[in-house]
Amino acid sequence: MTEEQPGDDACDRYWMRQALELARRAAEVGEVPVGALLLCEGAVIGEGWNQPIGACDPTAHAEVLALRAAAARLGNYRLVNSTLYVTLEPCPMCAGALVHARVARVVFGAADPRSGAAGSVFNLLQAEALNHRASVTGGVEAEACGALLRDFFRARRVKVRPDAAANGLPSAG
């Protein structure tokens, strides 16, 4: 535990590094390396890492798993005054879950220019049409979070190419 308060740059970097450790767990089993921690009053109340492949569950994103764990722990799906740390900008599904859970703040590492819903493509977390809005801080440990994702996908492309060539298919790239 750190002495800094949530929202403090050093505190955000500390918790994002913890989320990166969870993301590495996902990578170790072939899942897209995304990790998430949910905190309330400085204590971890939920954590998760991507598991949709292993769980055969398209909703088993790191954020959703952290929300599920926290709700079970607290006995309430409303997670008011909580902060989520996640290594990749949430997708629309996860952003919707964060809104419904009433998460107060979302801190993400790498932006997602393809499906980010915290400002990159959509801004569901702060949409005035919705009944709840979360404050958003992006880019915390962005280089480390982005590097983990880039390295993961680069390694996957290298593994795919030999199989594709052997079958006469174009290589991934």
C-alpha atoms as a PDB file:
ATOM      1  CA  MET A   1       0.000   0.000   0.000  1.00  0.00           C
ATOM      2  CA  THR A   2       1.256   3.467  -0.781  1.00  0.00           C
ATOM      3  CA  GLU A   3       0.983   6.694   1.189  1.00  0.00           C
ATOM      4  CA  GLU A   4      -0.349   8.576  -1.840  1.00  0.00           C
ATOM      5  CA  GLN A   5      -4.038   9.246  -2.323  1.00  0.00           C
ATOM      6  CA  PRO A   6      -6.040   7.944  -5.297  1.00  0.00           C
ATOM      7  CA  GLY A   7      -5.723  10.471  -8.083  1.00  0.00           C
ATOM      8  CA  ASP A   8      -2.122  11.217  -7.154  1.00  0.00           C
ATOM      9  CA  ASP A   9       0.246  10.490 -10.071  1.00  0.00           C
ATOM     10  CA  ALA A  10       2.547   8.252  -8.011  1.00  0.00           C
ATOM     11  CA  CYS A  11      -0.427   6.311  -6.648  1.00  0.00           C
ATOM     12  CA  ASP A  12      -1.896   5.863 -10.134  1.00  0.00           C
ATOM     13  CA  ARG A  13       1.436   4.591 -11.461  1.00  0.00           C
ATOM     14  CA  TYR A  14       1.759   2.160  -8.539  1.00  0.00           C
ATOM     15  CA  TRP A  15      -1.664   0.617  -9.098  1.00  0.00           C
ATOM     16  CA  MET A  16      -1.213   0.510 -12.866  1.00  0.00           C
ATOM     17  CA  ARG A  17       1.973  -1.502 -12.372  1.00  0.00           C
ATOM     18  CA  GLN A  18      -0.077  -3.939 -10.269  1.00  0.00           C
ATOM     19  CA  ALA A  19      -2.624  -4.159 -13.097  1.00  0.00           C
ATOM     20  CA  LEU A  20       0.250  -4.884 -15.501  1.00  0.00           C
ATOM     21  CA  GLU A  21       1.186  -7.905 -13.385  1.00  0.00           C
ATOM     22  CA  LEU A  22      -2.362  -9.197 -13.833  1.00  0.00           C
ATOM     23  CA  ALA A  23      -2.141  -8.547 -17.580  1.00  0.00           C
ATOM     24  CA  ARG A  24       0.962 -10.723 -17.707  1.00  0.00           C
ATOM     25  CA  ARG A  25      -1.084 -13.584 -16.238  1.00  0.00           C
ATOM     26  CA  ALA A  26      -3.419 -13.314 -19.223  1.00  0.00           C
ATOM     27  CA  ALA A  27      -0.501 -13.331 -21.672  1.00  0.00           C
ATOM     28  CA  GLU A  28       0.979 -16.441 -20.034  1.00  0.00           C
ATOM     29  CA  VAL A  29      -2.107 -18.437 -21.026  1.00  0.00           C
ATOM     30  CA  GLY A  30      -2.502 -16.937 -24.503  1.00  0.00           C
ATOM     31  CA  GLU A  31      -5.138 -14.335 -23.653  1.00  0.00           C
ATOM     32  CA  VAL A  32      -4.864 -10.703 -24.747  1.00  0.00           C
ATOM     33  CA  PRO A  33      -2.815  -9.138 -21.932  1.00  0.00           C
ATOM     34  CA  VAL A  34      -5.196  -6.822 -20.120  1.00  0.00           C
ATOM     35  CA  GLY A  35      -5.353  -6.581 -16.339  1.00  0.00           C
ATOM     36  CA  ALA A  36      -7.641  -4.628 -14.019  1.00  0.00           C
ATOM     37  CA  LEU A  37      -7.852  -3.748 -10.332  1.00  0.00           C
ATOM     38  CA  LEU A  38     -10.790  -2.148  -8.561  1.00  0.00           C
ATOM     39  CA  LEU A  39     -10.061  -0.155  -5.414  1.00  0.00           C
ATOM     40  CA  CYS A  40     -12.245   1.438  -2.792  1.00  0.00           C
ATOM     41  CA  GLU A  41     -10.807   3.538   0.009  1.00  0.00           C
ATOM     42  CA  GLY A  42      -7.291   2.460  -0.945  1.00  0.00           C
ATOM     43  CA  ALA A  43      -7.991  -1.281  -0.758  1.00  0.00           C
ATOM     44  CA  VAL A  44      -8.264  -3.745  -3.636  1.00  0.00           C
ATOM     45  CA  ILE A  45     -11.832  -5.053  -3.769  1.00  0.00           C
ATOM     46  CA  GLY A  46     -11.634  -6.843  -7.114  1.00  0.00           C
ATOM     47  CA  GLU A  47      -9.158  -7.877  -9.760  1.00  0.00           C
ATOM     48  CA  GLY A  48      -9.227  -9.582 -13.112  1.00  0.00           C
ATOM     49  CA  TRP A  49      -7.336 -10.357 -16.265  1.00  0.00           C
ATOM     50  CA  ASN A  50      -8.640 -11.241 -19.700  1.00  0.00           C
ATOM     51  CA  GLN A  51     -10.037 -14.780 -19.863  1.00  0.00           C
ATOM     52  CA  PRO A  52     -12.583 -14.960 -22.721  1.00  0.00           C
ATOM     53  CA  ILE A  53     -10.773 -17.772 -24.554  1.00  0.00           C
ATOM     54  CA  GLY A  54     -10.166 -20.008 -21.547  1.00  0.00           C
ATOM     55  CA  ALA A  55     -13.595 -19.336 -20.049  1.00  0.00           C
ATOM     56  CA  CYS A  56     -15.401 -19.590 -23.416  1.00  0.00           C
ATOM     57  CA  ASP A  57     -17.068 -16.348 -22.349  1.00  0.00           C
ATOM     58  CA  PRO A  58     -16.969 -13.271 -24.585  1.00  0.00           C
ATOM     59  CA  THR A  59     -17.705 -11.075 -21.556  1.00  0.00           C
ATOM     60  CA  ALA A  60     -14.724 -12.322 -19.503  1.00  0.00           C
ATOM     61  CA  HIS A  61     -12.745  -9.120 -19.965  1.00  0.00           C
ATOM     62  CA  ALA A  62     -10.439  -7.970 -17.169  1.00  0.00           C
ATOM     63  CA  GLU A  63     -12.738  -5.100 -16.177  1.00  0.00           C
ATOM     64  CA  VAL A  64     -15.866  -7.272 -16.003  1.00  0.00           C
ATOM     65  CA  LEU A  65     -14.083  -9.912 -13.927  1.00  0.00           C
ATOM     66  CA  ALA A  66     -12.823  -7.233 -11.516  1.00  0.00           C
ATOM     67  CA  LEU A  67     -16.367  -5.834 -11.218  1.00  0.00           C
ATOM     68  CA  ARG A  68     -17.820  -9.302 -10.582  1.00  0.00           C
ATOM     69  CA  ALA A  69     -15.242 -10.041  -7.880  1.00  0.00           C
ATOM     70  CA  ALA A  70     -15.823  -6.693  -6.162  1.00  0.00           C
ATOM     71  CA  ALA A  71     -19.617  -7.004  -6.261  1.00  0.00           C
ATOM     72  CA  ALA A  72     -19.430 -10.512  -4.797  1.00  0.00           C
ATOM     73  CA  ARG A  73     -17.046  -9.351  -2.090  1.00  0.00           C
ATOM     74  CA  LEU A  74     -19.191  -6.364  -1.104  1.00  0.00           C
ATOM     75  CA  GLY A  75     -22.556  -8.018  -1.668  1.00  0.00           C
ATOM     76  CA  ASN A  76     -23.643  -5.120  -3.869  1.00  0.00           C
ATOM     77  CA  TYR A  77     -23.344  -4.472  -7.598  1.00  0.00           C
ATOM     78  CA  ARG A  78     -23.152  -0.728  -7.007  1.00  0.00           C
ATOM     79  CA  LEU A  79     -19.490   0.013  -6.498  1.00  0.00           C
ATOM     80  CA  VAL A  80     -19.738   3.708  -5.658  1.00  0.00           C
ATOM     81  CA  ASN A  81     -16.587   5.611  -4.731  1.00  0.00           C
ATOM     82  CA  SER A  82     -14.422   2.986  -6.422  1.00  0.00           C
ATOM     83  CA  THR A  83     -11.565   3.427  -8.892  1.00  0.00           C
ATOM     84  CA  LEU A  84     -10.733   0.990 -11.671  1.00  0.00           C
ATOM     85  CA  TYR A  85      -7.160   0.654 -12.941  1.00  0.00           C
ATOM     86  CA  VAL A  86      -6.973  -1.124 -16.299  1.00  0.00           C
ATOM     87  CA  THR A  87      -4.046  -1.528 -18.680  1.00  0.00           C
ATOM     88  CA  LEU A  88      -6.095  -0.903 -21.856  1.00  0.00           C
ATOM     89  CA  GLU A  89      -8.839   1.646 -22.428  1.00  0.00           C
ATOM     90  CA  PRO A  90     -12.190  -0.067 -21.794  1.00  0.00           C
ATOM     91  CA  CYS A  91     -14.276  -1.298 -24.728  1.00  0.00           C
ATOM     92  CA  PRO A  92     -17.965  -0.303 -25.044  1.00  0.00           C
ATOM     93  CA  MET A  93     -19.155  -3.444 -23.216  1.00  0.00           C
ATOM     94  CA  CYS A  94     -16.843  -2.814 -20.262  1.00  0.00           C
ATOM     95  CA  ALA A  95     -17.621   0.913 -20.207  1.00  0.00           C
ATOM     96  CA  GLY A  96     -21.321   0.065 -19.991  1.00  0.00           C
ATOM     97  CA  ALA A  97     -20.675  -2.271 -17.074  1.00  0.00           C
ATOM     98  CA  LEU A  98     -18.612   0.416 -15.328  1.00  0.00           C
ATOM     99  CA  VAL A  99     -21.456   2.912 -15.733  1.00  0.00           C
ATOM    100  CA  HIS A 100     -24.013   0.437 -14.355  1.00  0.00           C
ATOM    101  CA  ALA A 101     -21.740  -0.368 -11.400  1.00  0.00           C
ATOM    102  CA  ARG A 102     -21.401   3.362 -10.638  1.00  0.00           C
ATOM    103  CA  VAL A 103     -17.594   3.259 -10.641  1.00  0.00           C
ATOM    104  CA  ALA A 104     -16.427   6.782  -9.797  1.00  0.00           C
ATOM    105  CA  ARG A 105     -13.106   6.857 -11.619  1.00  0.00           C
ATOM    106  CA  VAL A 106     -11.402   4.910 -14.399  1.00  0.00           C
ATOM    107  CA  VAL A 107      -7.639   5.031 -14.921  1.00  0.00           C
ATOM    108  CA  PHE A 108      -6.293   3.331 -18.039  1.00  0.00           C
ATOM    109  CA  GLY A 109      -2.862   2.752 -19.501  1.00  0.00           C
ATOM    110  CA  ALA A 110      -2.819   2.339 -23.284  1.00  0.00           C
ATOM    111  CA  ALA A 111      -5.445   3.998 -25.459  1.00  0.00           C
ATOM    112  CA  ASP A 112      -7.442   1.754 -27.803  1.00  0.00           C
ATOM    113  CA  PRO A 113      -7.858   3.565 -31.135  1.00  0.00           C
ATOM    114  CA  ARG A 114     -10.066   0.767 -32.514  1.00  0.00           C
ATOM    115  CA  SER A 115     -12.693   0.328 -29.824  1.00  0.00           C
ATOM    116  CA  GLY A 116     -11.832   2.546 -26.859  1.00  0.00           C
ATOM    117  CA  ALA A 117     -14.919   3.810 -25.055  1.00  0.00           C
ATOM    118  CA  ALA A 118     -13.211   6.233 -22.663  1.00  0.00           C
ATOM    119  CA  GLY A 119     -12.468   8.888 -25.262  1.00  0.00           C
ATOM    120  CA  SER A 120     -10.549   7.316 -28.151  1.00  0.00           C
ATOM    121  CA  VAL A 121     -13.509   6.184 -30.290  1.00  0.00           C
ATOM    122  CA  PHE A 122     -16.469   6.692 -27.945  1.00  0.00           C
ATOM    123  CA  ASN A 123     -16.783   8.385 -24.585  1.00  0.00           C
ATOM    124  CA  LEU A 124     -19.406   6.270 -22.879  1.00  0.00           C
ATOM    125  CA  LEU A 125     -17.945   6.847 -19.434  1.00  0.00           C
ATOM    126  CA  GLN A 126     -18.812  10.534 -19.586  1.00  0.00           C
ATOM    127  CA  ALA A 127     -21.848  10.511 -21.878  1.00  0.00           C
ATOM    128  CA  GLU A 128     -24.455  12.974 -20.653  1.00  0.00           C
ATOM    129  CA  ALA A 129     -27.258  10.745 -21.974  1.00  0.00           C
ATOM    130  CA  LEU A 130     -26.392   8.054 -19.416  1.00  0.00           C
ATOM    131  CA  ASN A 131     -27.418   8.034 -15.754  1.00  0.00           C
ATOM    132  CA  HIS A 132     -23.859   7.941 -14.378  1.00  0.00           C
ATOM    133  CA  ARG A 133     -20.514   9.370 -15.418  1.00  0.00           C
ATOM    134  CA  ALA A 134     -17.032   8.411 -14.270  1.00  0.00           C
ATOM    135  CA  SER A 135     -13.986  10.619 -14.250  1.00  0.00           C
ATOM    136  CA  VAL A 136     -11.304   9.308 -16.605  1.00  0.00           C
ATOM    137  CA  THR A 137      -7.514   9.476 -16.490  1.00  0.00           C
ATOM    138  CA  GLY A 138      -5.717   7.937 -19.447  1.00  0.00           C
ATOM    139  CA  GLY A 139      -2.120   7.297 -20.387  1.00  0.00           C
ATOM    140  CA  VAL A 140      -0.849   6.090 -16.996  1.00  0.00           C
ATOM    141  CA  GLU A 141       2.150   3.827 -17.681  1.00  0.00           C
ATOM    142  CA  ALA A 142       0.991   3.938 -21.312  1.00  0.00           C
ATOM    143  CA  GLU A 143       4.353   2.892 -22.746  1.00  0.00           C
ATOM    144  CA  ALA A 144       4.619  -0.227 -20.586  1.00  0.00           C
ATOM    145  CA  CYS A 145       0.969  -1.158 -21.182  1.00  0.00           C
ATOM    146  CA  GLY A 146       1.275  -0.611 -24.935  1.00  0.00           C
ATOM    147  CA  ALA A 147       4.557  -2.526 -25.132  1.00  0.00           C
ATOM    148  CA  LEU A 148       3.015  -5.566 -23.452  1.00  0.00           C
ATOM    149  CA  LEU A 149       0.197  -5.585 -26.015  1.00  0.00           C
ATOM    150  CA  ARG A 150       2.518  -4.983 -28.990  1.00  0.00           C
ATOM    151  CA  ASP A 151       4.886  -7.758 -27.906  1.00  0.00           C
ATOM    152  CA  PHE A 152       1.983 -10.166 -27.408  1.00  0.00           C
ATOM    153  CA  PHE A 153       0.511  -9.551 -30.860  1.00  0.00           C
ATOM    154  CA  ARG A 154       3.920  -9.540 -32.547  1.00  0.00           C
ATOM    155  CA  ALA A 155       4.649 -12.980 -31.075  1.00  0.00           C
ATOM    156  CA  ARG A 156       1.248 -14.268 -32.198  1.00  0.00           C
ATOM    157  CA  ARG A 157       1.821 -13.069 -35.772  1.00  0.00           C
ATOM    158  CA  VAL A 158       5.184 -14.848 -35.894  1.00  0.00           C
ATOM    159  CA  LYS A 159       3.560 -18.094 -34.730  1.00  0.00           C
ATOM    160  CA  VAL A 160       0.735 -17.776 -37.284  1.00  0.00           C
ATOM    161  CA  ARG A 161       2.915 -17.153 -40.349  1.00  0.00           C
ATOM    162  CA  PRO A 162       4.546 -20.613 -40.644  1.00  0.00           C
ATOM    163  CA  ASP A 163       1.188 -22.392 -40.374  1.00  0.00           C
ATOM    164  CA  ALA A 164      -0.418 -20.057 -42.887  1.00  0.00           C
ATOM    165  CA  ALA A 165       2.400 -20.532 -45.397  1.00  0.00           C
ATOM    166  CA  ALA A 166       2.260 -24.325 -45.037  1.00  0.00           C
ATOM    167  CA  ASN A 167      -1.424 -24.238 -45.932  1.00  0.00           C
ATOM    168  CA  GLY A 168      -0.947 -21.886 -48.877  1.00  0.00           C
ATOM    169  CA  LEU A 169      -2.689 -19.048 -47.068  1.00  0.00           C
ATOM    170  CA  PRO A 170      -1.454 -15.462 -46.961  1.00  0.00           C
ATOM    171  CA  SER A 171       0.557 -14.707 -43.850  1.00  0.00           C
ATOM    172  CA  ALA A 172      -0.842 -12.555 -41.058  1.00  0.00           C
ATOM    173  CA  GLY A 173       0.866  -9.324 -40.792  1.00  0.00           C
END
